[in-house]
Amino acid sequence: MFKALVVEKDEEGKTHAAVQNLDEDRLPEGDVTVAVEYSTLNYKDGLCLGSGGGLVRQWPHVPGIDFAGVVQQSADPRYKPGDRVVLTGWRVGEVHWGGYAQRARVKADWLVPLPDGLSTHSAMAVGTAGMAAMLAVIALEDHGLKPGDGPVLVTGASGGVGSVATAVLAKLGHEVAAVTGRPGSEDYLRALGASQVVQREDLSEVTRKPLESELWAGCVDPVAGAMLGRVLKQMKYGSSVAAVGLAGGAAIEGALITPFILRGVNLLGIDSVMQPYEARLRAWKRIATDLPMDRLKGMIRSATLEDLPGLGKDILKGQVQGRVVVDLNA
């Protein structure tokens, strides 16, 4: 038997989440069974835990799009019992049972071995949000961004993606301008390494100007919406924006093609769900070397399975700062 947070839907279409004890024969098909040690909380998890079940299609369901743990059984030669592994994406926690359980069974192709220097706890302090942030940083580097080029903007900097991006960019030697709309976040962001804090209202207004002054050498953007439309007009010549999310809406409000044509700005889409194995492995290896784990301590809060329904509501309201690490054995 193992403990899991199970979401069920009643006849009226309402969902209810509760911790249950399940037998291992309830696990879905897969090549590798993992004893999950830690999971985390993402916006998608909030949707799956919320009223109506969000992205879930089959019931009952175990959410949790991330997990890290130790291989218990494996039918794939790449993994053996005792190996430490991490999983993010592949629609686990949405259409496939996820990490809010002490056991998970998944396809071997979805797993990544944890690199040396990362514990399962640290991996979930990073999670999908941190991997997406690292993928964004790598994409900016691959398109020419170097320390000394100028300030790199990070929107939504108090959230999971933004927090990790801020810490990584600062460690790599970049001048980081962190955007936030949360009162009292300046000390938190400066502790992560931000050299400048930009108020959200300074960038959220839609303007009709085709271009503005060149301010940013690069940008990691989990927000999109009107803010991305404004930021694009302020990018330096030949610079790039790595678009990681759409917390501010899927439309790029106020955007024109002008920055792309007259300044050669690149808009780089960052997908964290279907990334191939080699790209994931590259990102996790870079996380192990380039993410200052000492700075992570200030952005982590601990939680249990019982805490998740309430935290799911909070993250949908934008009330979760930093990263939540869920201890499956607490």
C-alpha atoms as a PDB file:
ATOM      1  CA  MET A   1       0.000   0.000   0.000  1.00  0.00           C
ATOM      2  CA  PHE A   2       1.082   3.582  -0.590  1.00  0.00           C
ATOM      3  CA  LYS A   3      -0.309   7.019   0.178  1.00  0.00           C
ATOM      4  CA  ALA A   4      -1.603   9.257  -2.633  1.00  0.00           C
ATOM      5  CA  LEU A   5      -3.625  12.421  -3.165  1.00  0.00           C
ATOM      6  CA  VAL A   6      -6.551  11.261  -5.298  1.00  0.00           C
ATOM      7  CA  VAL A   7      -8.885  13.622  -7.154  1.00  0.00           C
ATOM      8  CA  GLU A   8     -12.374  12.289  -7.907  1.00  0.00           C
ATOM      9  CA  LYS A   9     -15.333  13.817  -9.723  1.00  0.00           C
ATOM     10  CA  ASP A  10     -18.902  13.425  -8.480  1.00  0.00           C
ATOM     11  CA  GLU A  11     -22.111  13.144 -10.507  1.00  0.00           C
ATOM     12  CA  GLU A  12     -22.553  16.914 -10.454  1.00  0.00           C
ATOM     13  CA  GLY A  13     -19.164  17.448 -12.058  1.00  0.00           C
ATOM     14  CA  LYS A  14     -17.461  18.757  -8.925  1.00  0.00           C
ATOM     15  CA  THR A  15     -14.023  17.476  -7.986  1.00  0.00           C
ATOM     16  CA  HIS A  16     -12.818  16.474  -4.544  1.00  0.00           C
ATOM     17  CA  ALA A  17      -9.204  15.778  -3.508  1.00  0.00           C
ATOM     18  CA  ALA A  18      -8.326  13.574  -0.542  1.00  0.00           C
ATOM     19  CA  VAL A  19      -5.385  11.500   0.659  1.00  0.00           C
ATOM     20  CA  GLN A  20      -6.025   7.773   0.236  1.00  0.00           C
ATOM     21  CA  ASN A  21      -4.138   4.513   0.732  1.00  0.00           C
ATOM     22  CA  LEU A  22      -3.847   2.607  -2.543  1.00  0.00           C
ATOM     23  CA  ASP A  23      -2.561  -0.803  -3.542  1.00  0.00           C
ATOM     24  CA  GLU A  24       0.291  -0.905  -6.066  1.00  0.00           C
ATOM     25  CA  ASP A  25      -1.900  -2.786  -8.534  1.00  0.00           C
ATOM     26  CA  ARG A  26      -3.762   0.524  -9.011  1.00  0.00           C
ATOM     27  CA  LEU A  27      -0.700   2.073 -10.665  1.00  0.00           C
ATOM     28  CA  PRO A  28      -0.881   2.592 -14.449  1.00  0.00           C
ATOM     29  CA  GLU A  29       1.251   0.664 -16.928  1.00  0.00           C
ATOM     30  CA  GLY A  30       4.891   1.612 -17.345  1.00  0.00           C
ATOM     31  CA  ASP A  31       8.480   0.377 -17.499  1.00  0.00           C
ATOM     32  CA  VAL A  32       9.769   1.800 -14.232  1.00  0.00           C
ATOM     33  CA  THR A  33       8.268   1.978 -10.745  1.00  0.00           C
ATOM     34  CA  VAL A  34       9.658   4.805  -8.613  1.00  0.00           C
ATOM     35  CA  ALA A  35       9.482   5.280  -4.867  1.00  0.00           C
ATOM     36  CA  VAL A  36       8.675   8.987  -4.919  1.00  0.00           C
ATOM     37  CA  GLU A  37      10.416  11.060  -2.258  1.00  0.00           C
ATOM     38  CA  TYR A  38       9.482  14.606  -3.264  1.00  0.00           C
ATOM     39  CA  SER A  39       7.157  16.437  -5.622  1.00  0.00           C
ATOM     40  CA  THR A  40       6.333  20.113  -6.067  1.00  0.00           C
ATOM     41  CA  LEU A  41       3.577  22.558  -7.006  1.00  0.00           C
ATOM     42  CA  ASN A  42       3.082  24.189 -10.407  1.00  0.00           C
ATOM     43  CA  TYR A  43       0.297  26.241 -11.962  1.00  0.00           C
ATOM     44  CA  LYS A  44      -0.864  23.155 -13.895  1.00  0.00           C
ATOM     45  CA  ASP A  45      -1.140  21.263 -10.610  1.00  0.00           C
ATOM     46  CA  GLY A  46      -3.401  24.013  -9.309  1.00  0.00           C
ATOM     47  CA  LEU A  47      -5.621  23.559 -12.364  1.00  0.00           C
ATOM     48  CA  CYS A  48      -5.805  19.793 -11.863  1.00  0.00           C
ATOM     49  CA  LEU A  49      -6.642  20.222  -8.182  1.00  0.00           C
ATOM     50  CA  GLY A  50      -9.193  22.975  -8.788  1.00  0.00           C
ATOM     51  CA  SER A  51     -12.924  22.813  -9.307  1.00  0.00           C
ATOM     52  CA  GLY A  52     -13.648  20.862 -12.481  1.00  0.00           C
ATOM     53  CA  GLY A  53     -10.244  19.214 -12.576  1.00  0.00           C
ATOM     54  CA  GLY A  54      -8.664  21.459 -15.192  1.00  0.00           C
ATOM     55  CA  LEU A  55      -6.481  19.337 -17.486  1.00  0.00           C
ATOM     56  CA  VAL A  56      -7.581  15.931 -16.135  1.00  0.00           C
ATOM     57  CA  ARG A  57      -9.551  13.685 -18.482  1.00  0.00           C
ATOM     58  CA  GLN A  58      -9.985  10.417 -16.572  1.00  0.00           C
ATOM     59  CA  TRP A  59     -11.068   9.839 -12.991  1.00  0.00           C
ATOM     60  CA  PRO A  60      -9.980   9.032 -10.347  1.00  0.00           C
ATOM     61  CA  HIS A  61      -6.665  10.801 -10.869  1.00  0.00           C
ATOM     62  CA  VAL A  62      -3.378  11.428  -9.065  1.00  0.00           C
ATOM     63  CA  PRO A  63      -1.985  14.878  -9.996  1.00  0.00           C
ATOM     64  CA  GLY A  64       1.615  16.096  -9.729  1.00  0.00           C
ATOM     65  CA  ILE A  65       3.477  16.947 -12.935  1.00  0.00           C
ATOM     66  CA  ASP A  66       6.911  16.580 -11.272  1.00  0.00           C
ATOM     67  CA  PHE A  67       8.525  14.037  -9.003  1.00  0.00           C
ATOM     68  CA  ALA A  68      11.937  12.808  -7.874  1.00  0.00           C
ATOM     69  CA  GLY A  69      12.731   9.558  -6.188  1.00  0.00           C
ATOM     70  CA  VAL A  70      14.495   6.209  -6.296  1.00  0.00           C
ATOM     71  CA  VAL A  71      13.867   3.413  -8.785  1.00  0.00           C
ATOM     72  CA  GLN A  72      12.110   0.493  -7.136  1.00  0.00           C
ATOM     73  CA  GLN A  73      11.606  -1.809 -10.133  1.00  0.00           C
ATOM     74  CA  SER A  74      12.629  -1.474 -13.785  1.00  0.00           C
ATOM     75  CA  ALA A  75      11.983  -3.435 -16.960  1.00  0.00           C
ATOM     76  CA  ASP A  76      14.321  -1.084 -18.857  1.00  0.00           C
ATOM     77  CA  PRO A  77      18.111  -1.706 -18.779  1.00  0.00           C
ATOM     78  CA  ARG A  78      18.847   2.020 -18.465  1.00  0.00           C
ATOM     79  CA  TYR A  79      17.574   2.037 -14.880  1.00  0.00           C
ATOM     80  CA  LYS A  80      18.104  -0.294 -11.951  1.00  0.00           C
ATOM     81  CA  PRO A  81      16.772  -0.349  -8.375  1.00  0.00           C
ATOM     82  CA  GLY A  82      18.421   2.354  -6.309  1.00  0.00           C
ATOM     83  CA  ASP A  83      18.957   4.828  -9.164  1.00  0.00           C
ATOM     84  CA  ARG A  84      17.906   8.405  -8.365  1.00  0.00           C
ATOM     85  CA  VAL A  85      15.667   9.865 -11.069  1.00  0.00           C
ATOM     86  CA  VAL A  86      13.597  12.950 -11.839  1.00  0.00           C
ATOM     87  CA  LEU A  87      10.536  13.392 -14.036  1.00  0.00           C
ATOM     88  CA  THR A  88       9.020  16.575 -15.422  1.00  0.00           C
ATOM     89  CA  GLY A  89       6.474  16.971 -18.202  1.00  0.00           C
ATOM     90  CA  TRP A  90       5.218  14.364 -20.671  1.00  0.00           C
ATOM     91  CA  ARG A  91       1.696  15.196 -19.426  1.00  0.00           C
ATOM     92  CA  VAL A  92       2.305  13.145 -16.304  1.00  0.00           C
ATOM     93  CA  GLY A  93      -0.037  14.470 -13.623  1.00  0.00           C
ATOM     94  CA  GLU A  94      -2.502  15.466 -16.353  1.00  0.00           C
ATOM     95  CA  VAL A  95      -3.391  12.416 -18.467  1.00  0.00           C
ATOM     96  CA  HIS A  96      -1.109   9.975 -16.625  1.00  0.00           C
ATOM     97  CA  TRP A  97      -0.972   9.481 -12.851  1.00  0.00           C
ATOM     98  CA  GLY A  98       1.648  11.762 -11.373  1.00  0.00           C
ATOM     99  CA  GLY A  99       3.854  12.565  -8.431  1.00  0.00           C
ATOM    100  CA  TYR A 100       1.398  13.239  -5.605  1.00  0.00           C
ATOM    101  CA  ALA A 101       1.865   9.668  -4.425  1.00  0.00           C
ATOM    102  CA  GLN A 102       4.530   7.592  -2.734  1.00  0.00           C
ATOM    103  CA  ARG A 103       4.704   5.381  -5.835  1.00  0.00           C
ATOM    104  CA  ALA A 104       4.678   6.199  -9.543  1.00  0.00           C
ATOM    105  CA  ARG A 105       4.939   3.969 -12.608  1.00  0.00           C
ATOM    106  CA  VAL A 106       5.984   5.594 -15.883  1.00  0.00           C
ATOM    107  CA  LYS A 107       7.732   5.008 -19.194  1.00  0.00           C
ATOM    108  CA  ALA A 108      11.506   4.882 -18.921  1.00  0.00           C
ATOM    109  CA  ASP A 109      11.834   7.468 -21.717  1.00  0.00           C
ATOM    110  CA  TRP A 110      10.192  10.064 -19.474  1.00  0.00           C
ATOM    111  CA  LEU A 111      12.817   9.816 -16.744  1.00  0.00           C
ATOM    112  CA  VAL A 112      16.170  11.566 -16.405  1.00  0.00           C
ATOM    113  CA  PRO A 113      18.929  10.319 -14.069  1.00  0.00           C
ATOM    114  CA  LEU A 114      19.731  12.880 -11.411  1.00  0.00           C
ATOM    115  CA  PRO A 115      23.207  14.340 -11.991  1.00  0.00           C
ATOM    116  CA  ASP A 116      25.789  14.299  -9.219  1.00  0.00           C
ATOM    117  CA  GLY A 117      25.342  17.183  -6.821  1.00  0.00           C
ATOM    118  CA  LEU A 118      21.554  17.183  -6.884  1.00  0.00           C
ATOM    119  CA  SER A 119      19.445  15.491  -4.230  1.00  0.00           C
ATOM    120  CA  THR A 120      15.845  14.473  -4.848  1.00  0.00           C
ATOM    121  CA  HIS A 121      14.815  17.351  -2.553  1.00  0.00           C
ATOM    122  CA  SER A 122      16.885  19.861  -4.536  1.00  0.00           C
ATOM    123  CA  ALA A 123      15.480  18.530  -7.796  1.00  0.00           C
ATOM    124  CA  MET A 124      11.961  19.336  -6.644  1.00  0.00           C
ATOM    125  CA  ALA A 125      13.014  22.733  -5.357  1.00  0.00           C
ATOM    126  CA  VAL A 126      13.809  23.208  -9.052  1.00  0.00           C
ATOM    127  CA  GLY A 127      11.081  21.131 -10.743  1.00  0.00           C
ATOM    128  CA  THR A 128       9.454  21.947 -14.072  1.00  0.00           C
ATOM    129  CA  ALA A 129       9.632  25.666 -13.317  1.00  0.00           C
ATOM    130  CA  GLY A 130      13.371  25.535 -12.756  1.00  0.00           C
ATOM    131  CA  MET A 131      14.027  23.292 -15.731  1.00  0.00           C
ATOM    132  CA  ALA A 132      12.015  25.658 -17.930  1.00  0.00           C
ATOM    133  CA  ALA A 133      14.035  28.579 -16.568  1.00  0.00           C
ATOM    134  CA  MET A 134      17.291  26.786 -17.382  1.00  0.00           C
ATOM    135  CA  LEU A 135      16.043  25.884 -20.866  1.00  0.00           C
ATOM    136  CA  ALA A 136      15.293  29.581 -21.358  1.00  0.00           C
ATOM    137  CA  VAL A 137      18.778  30.630 -20.216  1.00  0.00           C
ATOM    138  CA  ILE A 138      20.385  28.025 -22.493  1.00  0.00           C
ATOM    139  CA  ALA A 139      18.307  29.271 -25.444  1.00  0.00           C
ATOM    140  CA  LEU A 140      19.414  32.861 -24.808  1.00  0.00           C
ATOM    141  CA  GLU A 141      23.050  31.711 -24.632  1.00  0.00           C
ATOM    142  CA  ASP A 142      22.681  29.697 -27.825  1.00  0.00           C
ATOM    143  CA  HIS A 143      21.476  32.922 -29.491  1.00  0.00           C
ATOM    144  CA  GLY A 144      24.500  34.879 -28.357  1.00  0.00           C
ATOM    145  CA  LEU A 145      23.769  36.286 -24.891  1.00  0.00           C
ATOM    146  CA  LYS A 146      26.945  36.796 -22.832  1.00  0.00           C
ATOM    147  CA  PRO A 147      27.673  38.403 -19.457  1.00  0.00           C
ATOM    148  CA  GLY A 148      28.450  42.075 -19.996  1.00  0.00           C
ATOM    149  CA  ASP A 149      25.987  42.519 -22.872  1.00  0.00           C
ATOM    150  CA  GLY A 150      23.674  44.527 -20.631  1.00  0.00           C
ATOM    151  CA  PRO A 151      20.741  43.975 -18.282  1.00  0.00           C
ATOM    152  CA  VAL A 152      18.706  40.797 -18.708  1.00  0.00           C
ATOM    153  CA  LEU A 153      15.032  41.221 -17.838  1.00  0.00           C
ATOM    154  CA  VAL A 154      13.136  38.526 -15.944  1.00  0.00           C
ATOM    155  CA  THR A 155       9.378  39.029 -15.799  1.00  0.00           C
ATOM    156  CA  GLY A 156       7.263  37.394 -13.095  1.00  0.00           C
ATOM    157  CA  ALA A 157      10.490  37.185 -11.124  1.00  0.00           C
ATOM    158  CA  SER A 158       8.855  36.244  -7.809  1.00  0.00           C
ATOM    159  CA  GLY A 159       7.335  33.067  -9.265  1.00  0.00           C
ATOM    160  CA  GLY A 160       8.979  29.692  -9.726  1.00  0.00           C
ATOM    161  CA  VAL A 161      10.372  30.194 -13.247  1.00  0.00           C
ATOM    162  CA  GLY A 162      11.374  33.781 -12.577  1.00  0.00           C
ATOM    163  CA  SER A 163      13.049  33.023  -9.251  1.00  0.00           C
ATOM    164  CA  VAL A 164      15.265  30.297 -10.710  1.00  0.00           C
ATOM    165  CA  ALA A 165      16.053  32.344 -13.837  1.00  0.00           C
ATOM    166  CA  THR A 166      17.081  35.301 -11.656  1.00  0.00           C
ATOM    167  CA  ALA A 167      19.386  33.158  -9.503  1.00  0.00           C
ATOM    168  CA  VAL A 168      20.988  31.378 -12.468  1.00  0.00           C
ATOM    169  CA  LEU A 169      21.561  34.511 -14.551  1.00  0.00           C
ATOM    170  CA  ALA A 170      23.065  36.330 -11.579  1.00  0.00           C
ATOM    171  CA  LYS A 171      25.468  33.461 -10.837  1.00  0.00           C
ATOM    172  CA  LEU A 172      26.546  33.429 -14.493  1.00  0.00           C
ATOM    173  CA  GLY A 173      27.549  37.070 -14.166  1.00  0.00           C
ATOM    174  CA  HIS A 174      24.609  38.841 -15.786  1.00  0.00           C
ATOM    175  CA  GLU A 175      23.057  42.047 -14.533  1.00  0.00           C
ATOM    176  CA  VAL A 176      19.477  40.976 -13.772  1.00  0.00           C
ATOM    177  CA  ALA A 177      16.464  43.284 -13.799  1.00  0.00           C
ATOM    178  CA  ALA A 178      13.648  41.470 -11.976  1.00  0.00           C
ATOM    179  CA  VAL A 179      10.019  42.434 -12.607  1.00  0.00           C
ATOM    180  CA  THR A 180       7.476  41.963  -9.841  1.00  0.00           C
ATOM    181  CA  GLY A 181       4.076  43.226  -8.812  1.00  0.00           C
ATOM    182  CA  ARG A 182       4.168  41.715  -5.346  1.00  0.00           C
ATOM    183  CA  PRO A 183       4.590  44.147  -2.449  1.00  0.00           C
ATOM    184  CA  GLY A 184       7.629  43.427  -0.310  1.00  0.00           C
ATOM    185  CA  SER A 185       9.400  41.251  -2.902  1.00  0.00           C
ATOM    186  CA  GLU A 186      12.454  43.465  -3.420  1.00  0.00           C
ATOM    187  CA  ASP A 187      14.565  41.945  -0.628  1.00  0.00           C
ATOM    188  CA  TYR A 188      13.694  38.438  -1.810  1.00  0.00           C
ATOM    189  CA  LEU A 189      14.699  39.213  -5.414  1.00  0.00           C
ATOM    190  CA  ARG A 190      17.911  40.961  -4.439  1.00  0.00           C
ATOM    191  CA  ALA A 191      18.827  37.945  -2.305  1.00  0.00           C
ATOM    192  CA  LEU A 192      18.452  35.815  -5.444  1.00  0.00           C
ATOM    193  CA  GLY A 193      20.914  38.116  -7.214  1.00  0.00           C
ATOM    194  CA  ALA A 194      18.788  40.774  -8.915  1.00  0.00           C
ATOM    195  CA  SER A 195      20.659  44.060  -9.304  1.00  0.00           C
ATOM    196  CA  GLN A 196      17.526  45.981 -10.277  1.00  0.00           C
ATOM    197  CA  VAL A 197      13.846  45.558  -9.380  1.00  0.00           C
ATOM    198  CA  VAL A 198      11.266  46.791 -11.906  1.00  0.00           C
ATOM    199  CA  GLN A 199       7.666  47.330 -10.865  1.00  0.00           C
ATOM    200  CA  ARG A 200       5.115  45.446 -12.947  1.00  0.00           C
ATOM    201  CA  GLU A 201       3.054  48.552 -13.679  1.00  0.00           C
ATOM    202  CA  ASP A 202       6.070  50.082 -15.437  1.00  0.00           C
ATOM    203  CA  LEU A 203       5.780  47.433 -18.152  1.00  0.00           C
ATOM    204  CA  SER A 204       2.118  46.413 -18.192  1.00  0.00           C
ATOM    205  CA  GLU A 205       0.700  49.396 -20.058  1.00  0.00           C
ATOM    206  CA  VAL A 206      -0.083  48.806 -23.734  1.00  0.00           C
ATOM    207  CA  THR A 207       1.442  51.515 -25.955  1.00  0.00           C
ATOM    208  CA  ARG A 208       1.030  52.347 -29.635  1.00  0.00           C
ATOM    209  CA  LYS A 209       4.720  53.128 -30.135  1.00  0.00           C
ATOM    210  CA  PRO A 210       6.354  50.739 -32.622  1.00  0.00           C
ATOM    211  CA  LEU A 211       9.671  50.894 -30.724  1.00  0.00           C
ATOM    212  CA  GLU A 212      11.026  52.275 -27.456  1.00  0.00           C
ATOM    213  CA  SER A 213      14.526  52.874 -26.099  1.00  0.00           C
ATOM    214  CA  GLU A 214      16.797  49.805 -26.236  1.00  0.00           C
ATOM    215  CA  LEU A 215      17.081  48.615 -22.641  1.00  0.00           C
ATOM    216  CA  TRP A 216      17.420  44.830 -22.396  1.00  0.00           C
ATOM    217  CA  ALA A 217      20.111  42.480 -23.705  1.00  0.00           C
ATOM    218  CA  GLY A 218      17.864  39.462 -23.139  1.00  0.00           C
ATOM    219  CA  CYS A 219      14.666  38.457 -21.419  1.00  0.00           C
ATOM    220  CA  VAL A 220      13.172  35.412 -19.722  1.00  0.00           C
ATOM    221  CA  ASP A 221       9.397  35.898 -19.876  1.00  0.00           C
ATOM    222  CA  PRO A 222       6.900  33.625 -18.063  1.00  0.00           C
ATOM    223  CA  VAL A 223       4.169  36.289 -18.310  1.00  0.00           C
ATOM    224  CA  ALA A 224       3.375  37.124 -21.991  1.00  0.00           C
ATOM    225  CA  GLY A 225       0.267  39.265 -22.549  1.00  0.00           C
ATOM    226  CA  ALA A 226       0.619  43.039 -22.541  1.00  0.00           C
ATOM    227  CA  MET A 227       3.977  42.885 -20.756  1.00  0.00           C
ATOM    228  CA  LEU A 228       5.607  40.855 -23.510  1.00  0.00           C
ATOM    229  CA  GLY A 229       4.223  43.244 -26.119  1.00  0.00           C
ATOM    230  CA  ARG A 230       5.864  46.121 -24.276  1.00  0.00           C
ATOM    231  CA  VAL A 231       9.145  44.340 -23.590  1.00  0.00           C
ATOM    232  CA  LEU A 232       9.653  43.427 -27.244  1.00  0.00           C
ATOM    233  CA  LYS A 233       9.735  47.138 -28.095  1.00  0.00           C
ATOM    234  CA  GLN A 234      12.516  47.703 -25.540  1.00  0.00           C
ATOM    235  CA  MET A 235      14.872  44.904 -26.584  1.00  0.00           C
ATOM    236  CA  LYS A 236      18.351  45.721 -27.837  1.00  0.00           C
ATOM    237  CA  TYR A 237      19.335  45.087 -31.436  1.00  0.00           C
ATOM    238  CA  GLY A 238      19.848  41.370 -32.144  1.00  0.00           C
ATOM    239  CA  SER A 239      18.704  40.317 -28.681  1.00  0.00           C
ATOM    240  CA  SER A 240      16.304  37.534 -27.749  1.00  0.00           C
ATOM    241  CA  VAL A 241      13.277  36.926 -25.546  1.00  0.00           C
ATOM    242  CA  ALA A 242      12.738  33.385 -24.227  1.00  0.00           C
ATOM    243  CA  ALA A 243       8.970  32.971 -23.796  1.00  0.00           C
ATOM    244  CA  VAL A 244       8.319  30.385 -21.071  1.00  0.00           C
ATOM    245  CA  GLY A 245       4.699  30.915 -20.016  1.00  0.00           C
ATOM    246  CA  LEU A 246       1.483  32.854 -20.417  1.00  0.00           C
ATOM    247  CA  ALA A 247       0.445  33.872 -16.937  1.00  0.00           C
ATOM    248  CA  GLY A 248      -0.623  37.248 -18.335  1.00  0.00           C
ATOM    249  CA  GLY A 249      -2.574  35.800 -21.269  1.00  0.00           C
ATOM    250  CA  ALA A 250      -1.829  34.004 -24.526  1.00  0.00           C
ATOM    251  CA  ALA A 251      -2.151  37.108 -26.714  1.00  0.00           C
ATOM    252  CA  ILE A 252       0.862  39.404 -27.088  1.00  0.00           C
ATOM    253  CA  GLU A 253      -1.074  42.618 -26.617  1.00  0.00           C
ATOM    254  CA  GLY A 254       0.197  45.735 -28.346  1.00  0.00           C
ATOM    255  CA  ALA A 255       2.873  43.804 -30.219  1.00  0.00           C
ATOM    256  CA  LEU A 256       3.975  44.810 -33.693  1.00  0.00           C
ATOM    257  CA  ILE A 257       6.356  43.127 -36.103  1.00  0.00           C
ATOM    258  CA  THR A 258       8.631  46.193 -35.927  1.00  0.00           C
ATOM    259  CA  PRO A 259      11.093  44.861 -33.286  1.00  0.00           C
ATOM    260  CA  PHE A 260      11.673  41.705 -35.314  1.00  0.00           C
ATOM    261  CA  ILE A 261      12.277  43.536 -38.599  1.00  0.00           C
ATOM    262  CA  LEU A 262      14.093  46.719 -37.526  1.00  0.00           C
ATOM    263  CA  ARG A 263      16.036  45.352 -34.555  1.00  0.00           C
ATOM    264  CA  GLY A 264      16.367  41.669 -35.408  1.00  0.00           C
ATOM    265  CA  VAL A 265      14.816  40.623 -32.099  1.00  0.00           C
ATOM    266  CA  ASN A 266      14.261  36.877 -31.643  1.00  0.00           C
ATOM    267  CA  LEU A 267      11.236  35.424 -29.861  1.00  0.00           C
ATOM    268  CA  LEU A 268      12.197  31.949 -28.613  1.00  0.00           C
ATOM    269  CA  GLY A 269       9.451  29.570 -27.535  1.00  0.00           C
ATOM    270  CA  ILE A 270      10.427  27.344 -24.592  1.00  0.00           C
ATOM    271  CA  ASP A 271       8.497  24.087 -24.159  1.00  0.00           C
ATOM    272  CA  SER A 272       9.076  22.118 -20.975  1.00  0.00           C
ATOM    273  CA  VAL A 273       6.597  19.283 -21.591  1.00  0.00           C
ATOM    274  CA  MET A 274       7.844  17.412 -24.672  1.00  0.00           C
ATOM    275  CA  GLN A 275      11.543  18.283 -24.584  1.00  0.00           C
ATOM    276  CA  PRO A 276      13.688  15.380 -25.892  1.00  0.00           C
ATOM    277  CA  TYR A 277      15.881  13.431 -23.499  1.00  0.00           C
ATOM    278  CA  GLU A 278      19.191  15.044 -24.500  1.00  0.00           C
ATOM    279  CA  ALA A 279      17.841  18.557 -23.979  1.00  0.00           C
ATOM    280  CA  ARG A 280      16.493  17.579 -20.555  1.00  0.00           C
ATOM    281  CA  LEU A 281      19.776  15.985 -19.569  1.00  0.00           C
ATOM    282  CA  ARG A 282      21.670  19.107 -20.677  1.00  0.00           C
ATOM    283  CA  ALA A 283      19.356  21.312 -18.627  1.00  0.00           C
ATOM    284  CA  TRP A 284      19.617  19.181 -15.481  1.00  0.00           C
ATOM    285  CA  LYS A 285      23.410  19.046 -15.716  1.00  0.00           C
ATOM    286  CA  ARG A 286      23.489  22.847 -16.008  1.00  0.00           C
ATOM    287  CA  ILE A 287      21.146  23.135 -13.020  1.00  0.00           C
ATOM    288  CA  ALA A 288      23.580  21.057 -10.968  1.00  0.00           C
ATOM    289  CA  THR A 289      26.466  23.412 -11.797  1.00  0.00           C
ATOM    290  CA  ASP A 290      24.878  26.842 -12.376  1.00  0.00           C
ATOM    291  CA  LEU A 291      22.007  27.131  -9.937  1.00  0.00           C
ATOM    292  CA  PRO A 292      23.227  28.398  -6.547  1.00  0.00           C
ATOM    293  CA  MET A 293      21.463  26.034  -4.170  1.00  0.00           C
ATOM    294  CA  ASP A 294      22.270  28.238  -1.187  1.00  0.00           C
ATOM    295  CA  ARG A 295      20.048  30.912  -2.714  1.00  0.00           C
ATOM    296  CA  LEU A 296      17.294  28.359  -3.230  1.00  0.00           C
ATOM    297  CA  LYS A 297      16.855  28.016   0.520  1.00  0.00           C
ATOM    298  CA  GLY A 298      15.178  31.406   0.701  1.00  0.00           C
ATOM    299  CA  MET A 299      12.595  30.489  -1.940  1.00  0.00           C
ATOM    300  CA  ILE A 300      11.531  27.042  -0.654  1.00  0.00           C
ATOM    301  CA  ARG A 301       8.543  26.182   1.496  1.00  0.00           C
ATOM    302  CA  SER A 302       7.758  22.647   2.637  1.00  0.00           C
ATOM    303  CA  ALA A 303       4.373  20.965   2.260  1.00  0.00           C
ATOM    304  CA  THR A 304       2.622  17.619   2.678  1.00  0.00           C
ATOM    305  CA  LEU A 305      -0.007  15.903   0.559  1.00  0.00           C
ATOM    306  CA  GLU A 306      -2.668  17.226   2.921  1.00  0.00           C
ATOM    307  CA  ASP A 307      -1.569  20.814   2.214  1.00  0.00           C
ATOM    308  CA  LEU A 308      -1.931  20.591  -1.552  1.00  0.00           C
ATOM    309  CA  PRO A 309      -5.649  21.302  -2.102  1.00  0.00           C
ATOM    310  CA  GLY A 310      -5.272  24.656  -0.342  1.00  0.00           C
ATOM    311  CA  LEU A 311      -1.969  25.448  -2.032  1.00  0.00           C
ATOM    312  CA  GLY A 312      -3.511  24.616  -5.397  1.00  0.00           C
ATOM    313  CA  LYS A 313      -6.058  27.380  -4.868  1.00  0.00           C
ATOM    314  CA  ASP A 314      -3.319  29.782  -3.768  1.00  0.00           C
ATOM    315  CA  ILE A 315      -1.139  29.279  -6.835  1.00  0.00           C
ATOM    316  CA  LEU A 316      -4.075  29.966  -9.158  1.00  0.00           C
ATOM    317  CA  LYS A 317      -4.491  33.307  -7.376  1.00  0.00           C
ATOM    318  CA  GLY A 318      -0.797  34.149  -7.757  1.00  0.00           C
ATOM    319  CA  GLN A 319      -0.244  33.857  -4.013  1.00  0.00           C
ATOM    320  CA  VAL A 320       2.608  31.325  -4.017  1.00  0.00           C
ATOM    321  CA  GLN A 321       6.100  32.841  -3.976  1.00  0.00           C
ATOM    322  CA  GLY A 322       9.140  30.783  -4.917  1.00  0.00           C
ATOM    323  CA  ARG A 323       8.979  26.996  -4.814  1.00  0.00           C
ATOM    324  CA  VAL A 324       6.929  24.458  -2.833  1.00  0.00           C
ATOM    325  CA  VAL A 325       8.578  21.104  -2.083  1.00  0.00           C
ATOM    326  CA  VAL A 326       6.138  18.321  -1.188  1.00  0.00           C
ATOM    327  CA  ASP A 327       7.515  15.614   1.104  1.00  0.00           C
ATOM    328  CA  LEU A 328       5.747  12.375   0.217  1.00  0.00           C
ATOM    329  CA  ASN A 329       6.867  10.695   3.429  1.00  0.00           C
ATOM    330  CA  ALA A 330       5.865  13.438   5.854  1.00  0.00           C
END
